[in-house]
Amino acid sequence: WPYLQTGLYPAKEEIPEELQPVAFELSHVLSAAIKRDPTSDVLGYVLSMSGFHKKGTNYFPTPPEIGRLMSLIVGSQSSADFYEPCCGSGINAIHWMENLIENHGPEALRE
């Protein structure tokens, strides 16, 4: 799916043609929800509520409280780099950016 959106890397499996309309609609719904509340973990919530982590997918979501704590430990220096080594919903990056914005304003993300 990301390959269809970005062309960065080929998909491991293609979305079956009959499911593509639903996949595109879900993508738009998730995008709208994330734009409405960028610091919430919309994707993590959807994946957790669907039991995705119980289906042998090796998805282990970071609780939002842990992401928030990690962002406070790391700090909010506007000159700091951030590296998110996991491949989940991005909750650690979300909270780091939220902390950065709270302490330095939205312009800190542009630096």
C-alpha atoms as a PDB file:
ATOM      1  CA  TRP A   1       0.000   0.000   0.000  1.00  0.00           C
ATOM      2  CA  PRO A   2       2.722   2.577   0.777  1.00  0.00           C
ATOM      3  CA  TYR A   3       4.274   1.757  -2.588  1.00  0.00           C
ATOM      4  CA  LEU A   4       1.063   2.799  -4.337  1.00  0.00           C
ATOM      5  CA  GLN A   5       1.159   6.064  -2.387  1.00  0.00           C
ATOM      6  CA  THR A   6       4.885   6.857  -2.494  1.00  0.00           C
ATOM      7  CA  GLY A   7       6.681   4.465  -4.824  1.00  0.00           C
ATOM      8  CA  LEU A   8       9.385   4.017  -2.171  1.00  0.00           C
ATOM      9  CA  TYR A   9       9.473   0.236  -2.120  1.00  0.00           C
ATOM     10  CA  PRO A  10       7.457  -2.544  -3.733  1.00  0.00           C
ATOM     11  CA  ALA A  11       4.662  -4.205  -1.813  1.00  0.00           C
ATOM     12  CA  LYS A  12       5.214  -7.637  -0.345  1.00  0.00           C
ATOM     13  CA  GLU A  13       1.703  -8.541  -1.471  1.00  0.00           C
ATOM     14  CA  GLU A  14      -0.673  -6.686  -3.733  1.00  0.00           C
ATOM     15  CA  ILE A  15      -4.073  -5.658  -2.483  1.00  0.00           C
ATOM     16  CA  PRO A  16      -6.640  -7.843  -4.266  1.00  0.00           C
ATOM     17  CA  GLU A  17      -8.462  -5.829  -6.888  1.00  0.00           C
ATOM     18  CA  GLU A  18     -11.862  -6.355  -5.250  1.00  0.00           C
ATOM     19  CA  LEU A  19     -10.546  -4.879  -1.963  1.00  0.00           C
ATOM     20  CA  GLN A  20      -8.847  -1.833  -3.482  1.00  0.00           C
ATOM     21  CA  PRO A  21     -11.899   0.480  -3.241  1.00  0.00           C
ATOM     22  CA  VAL A  22     -12.241  -0.327   0.478  1.00  0.00           C
ATOM     23  CA  ALA A  23      -8.488   0.125   1.020  1.00  0.00           C
ATOM     24  CA  PHE A  24      -8.533   3.523  -0.693  1.00  0.00           C
ATOM     25  CA  GLU A  25     -11.563   4.630   1.333  1.00  0.00           C
ATOM     26  CA  LEU A  26      -9.920   3.478   4.579  1.00  0.00           C
ATOM     27  CA  SER A  27      -6.802   5.419   3.618  1.00  0.00           C
ATOM     28  CA  HIS A  28      -8.849   8.600   3.169  1.00  0.00           C
ATOM     29  CA  VAL A  29     -10.722   8.096   6.465  1.00  0.00           C
ATOM     30  CA  LEU A  30      -7.466   7.533   8.378  1.00  0.00           C
ATOM     31  CA  SER A  31      -5.859  10.534   6.688  1.00  0.00           C
ATOM     32  CA  ALA A  32      -8.792  12.787   7.628  1.00  0.00           C
ATOM     33  CA  ALA A  33      -8.732  11.556  11.249  1.00  0.00           C
ATOM     34  CA  ILE A  34      -4.985  12.144  11.529  1.00  0.00           C
ATOM     35  CA  LYS A  35      -5.321  15.650  10.061  1.00  0.00           C
ATOM     36  CA  ARG A  36      -8.120  16.405  12.519  1.00  0.00           C
ATOM     37  CA  ASP A  37      -6.017  15.337  15.522  1.00  0.00           C
ATOM     38  CA  PRO A  38      -2.357  14.932  14.510  1.00  0.00           C
ATOM     39  CA  THR A  39      -1.123  14.036  17.996  1.00  0.00           C
ATOM     40  CA  SER A  40      -3.477  11.110  18.489  1.00  0.00           C
ATOM     41  CA  ASP A  41      -2.514   7.569  17.550  1.00  0.00           C
ATOM     42  CA  VAL A  42      -5.381   6.902  15.146  1.00  0.00           C
ATOM     43  CA  LEU A  43      -3.663   4.065  13.307  1.00  0.00           C
ATOM     44  CA  GLY A  44      -2.511   2.402  16.543  1.00  0.00           C
ATOM     45  CA  TYR A  45      -6.063   2.607  17.900  1.00  0.00           C
ATOM     46  CA  VAL A  46      -7.558   1.027  14.773  1.00  0.00           C
ATOM     47  CA  LEU A  47      -4.963  -1.757  14.720  1.00  0.00           C
ATOM     48  CA  SER A  48      -5.373  -2.477  18.436  1.00  0.00           C
ATOM     49  CA  MET A  49      -9.180  -2.469  18.309  1.00  0.00           C
ATOM     50  CA  SER A  50      -9.151  -4.869  15.371  1.00  0.00           C
ATOM     51  CA  GLY A  51      -6.991  -7.339  17.315  1.00  0.00           C
ATOM     52  CA  PHE A  52      -4.292  -6.973  14.669  1.00  0.00           C
ATOM     53  CA  HIS A  53      -1.576  -7.690  17.248  1.00  0.00           C
ATOM     54  CA  LYS A  54      -3.169 -11.072  18.054  1.00  0.00           C
ATOM     55  CA  LYS A  55      -3.097 -12.351  14.487  1.00  0.00           C
ATOM     56  CA  GLY A  56       0.569 -13.324  14.266  1.00  0.00           C
ATOM     57  CA  THR A  57       1.601 -10.028  12.680  1.00  0.00           C
ATOM     58  CA  ASN A  58       4.371  -9.194  15.167  1.00  0.00           C
ATOM     59  CA  TYR A  59       2.662  -5.853  15.834  1.00  0.00           C
ATOM     60  CA  PHE A  60       3.419  -4.743  19.385  1.00  0.00           C
ATOM     61  CA  PRO A  61       1.996  -1.247  19.943  1.00  0.00           C
ATOM     62  CA  THR A  62       3.773   1.159  22.257  1.00  0.00           C
ATOM     63  CA  PRO A  63       1.250   2.447  24.810  1.00  0.00           C
ATOM     64  CA  PRO A  64       0.695   6.209  24.363  1.00  0.00           C
ATOM     65  CA  GLU A  65       1.802   6.811  27.956  1.00  0.00           C
ATOM     66  CA  ILE A  66       5.196   5.220  27.197  1.00  0.00           C
ATOM     67  CA  GLY A  67       5.590   7.338  24.055  1.00  0.00           C
ATOM     68  CA  ARG A  68       4.772  10.466  26.051  1.00  0.00           C
ATOM     69  CA  LEU A  69       7.243   9.501  28.805  1.00  0.00           C
ATOM     70  CA  MET A  70       9.979   8.790  26.259  1.00  0.00           C
ATOM     71  CA  SER A  71       9.455  12.201  24.649  1.00  0.00           C
ATOM     72  CA  LEU A  72       9.858  13.876  28.043  1.00  0.00           C
ATOM     73  CA  ILE A  73      13.031  11.898  28.767  1.00  0.00           C
ATOM     74  CA  VAL A  74      14.533  12.767  25.379  1.00  0.00           C
ATOM     75  CA  GLY A  75      13.641  16.417  25.823  1.00  0.00           C
ATOM     76  CA  SER A  76      12.547  19.058  23.400  1.00  0.00           C
ATOM     77  CA  GLN A  77      15.683  20.690  22.060  1.00  0.00           C
ATOM     78  CA  SER A  78      14.724  22.208  18.736  1.00  0.00           C
ATOM     79  CA  SER A  79      18.140  21.313  17.322  1.00  0.00           C
ATOM     80  CA  ALA A  80      17.863  17.623  18.256  1.00  0.00           C
ATOM     81  CA  ASP A  81      17.401  14.874  15.701  1.00  0.00           C
ATOM     82  CA  PHE A  82      14.865  12.127  16.268  1.00  0.00           C
ATOM     83  CA  TYR A  83      15.095   8.557  15.052  1.00  0.00           C
ATOM     84  CA  GLU A  84      12.132   6.182  15.298  1.00  0.00           C
ATOM     85  CA  PRO A  85      13.562   2.668  14.913  1.00  0.00           C
ATOM     86  CA  CYS A  86      10.224   0.874  15.051  1.00  0.00           C
ATOM     87  CA  CYS A  87       7.778   0.322  12.249  1.00  0.00           C
ATOM     88  CA  GLY A  88       4.464   0.765  14.000  1.00  0.00           C
ATOM     89  CA  SER A  89       2.003   3.605  14.037  1.00  0.00           C
ATOM     90  CA  GLY A  90       4.656   6.207  14.934  1.00  0.00           C
ATOM     91  CA  ILE A  91       3.445   7.033  18.439  1.00  0.00           C
ATOM     92  CA  ASN A  92       6.972   7.845  19.661  1.00  0.00           C
ATOM     93  CA  ALA A  93       7.486  10.315  16.811  1.00  0.00           C
ATOM     94  CA  ILE A  94       4.020  11.789  17.377  1.00  0.00           C
ATOM     95  CA  HIS A  95       4.741  12.540  21.037  1.00  0.00           C
ATOM     96  CA  TRP A  96       8.247  13.847  20.303  1.00  0.00           C
ATOM     97  CA  MET A  97       6.805  16.297  17.743  1.00  0.00           C
ATOM     98  CA  GLU A  98       3.993  17.266  20.123  1.00  0.00           C
ATOM     99  CA  ASN A  99       6.565  18.023  22.854  1.00  0.00           C
ATOM    100  CA  LEU A 100       8.686  20.010  20.390  1.00  0.00           C
ATOM    101  CA  ILE A 101       5.676  22.085  19.263  1.00  0.00           C
ATOM    102  CA  GLU A 102       4.573  22.756  22.859  1.00  0.00           C
ATOM    103  CA  ASN A 103       8.039  24.045  23.786  1.00  0.00           C
ATOM    104  CA  HIS A 104       9.176  25.781  20.582  1.00  0.00           C
ATOM    105  CA  GLY A 105       6.093  26.286  18.405  1.00  0.00           C
ATOM    106  CA  PRO A 106       5.218  24.709  15.033  1.00  0.00           C
ATOM    107  CA  GLU A 107       8.137  26.425  13.305  1.00  0.00           C
ATOM    108  CA  ALA A 108      10.517  24.069  15.187  1.00  0.00           C
ATOM    109  CA  LEU A 109       9.405  21.245  12.881  1.00  0.00           C
ATOM    110  CA  ARG A 110      10.596  23.169   9.824  1.00  0.00           C
ATOM    111  CA  GLU A 111      14.198  23.529  11.033  1.00  0.00           C
END
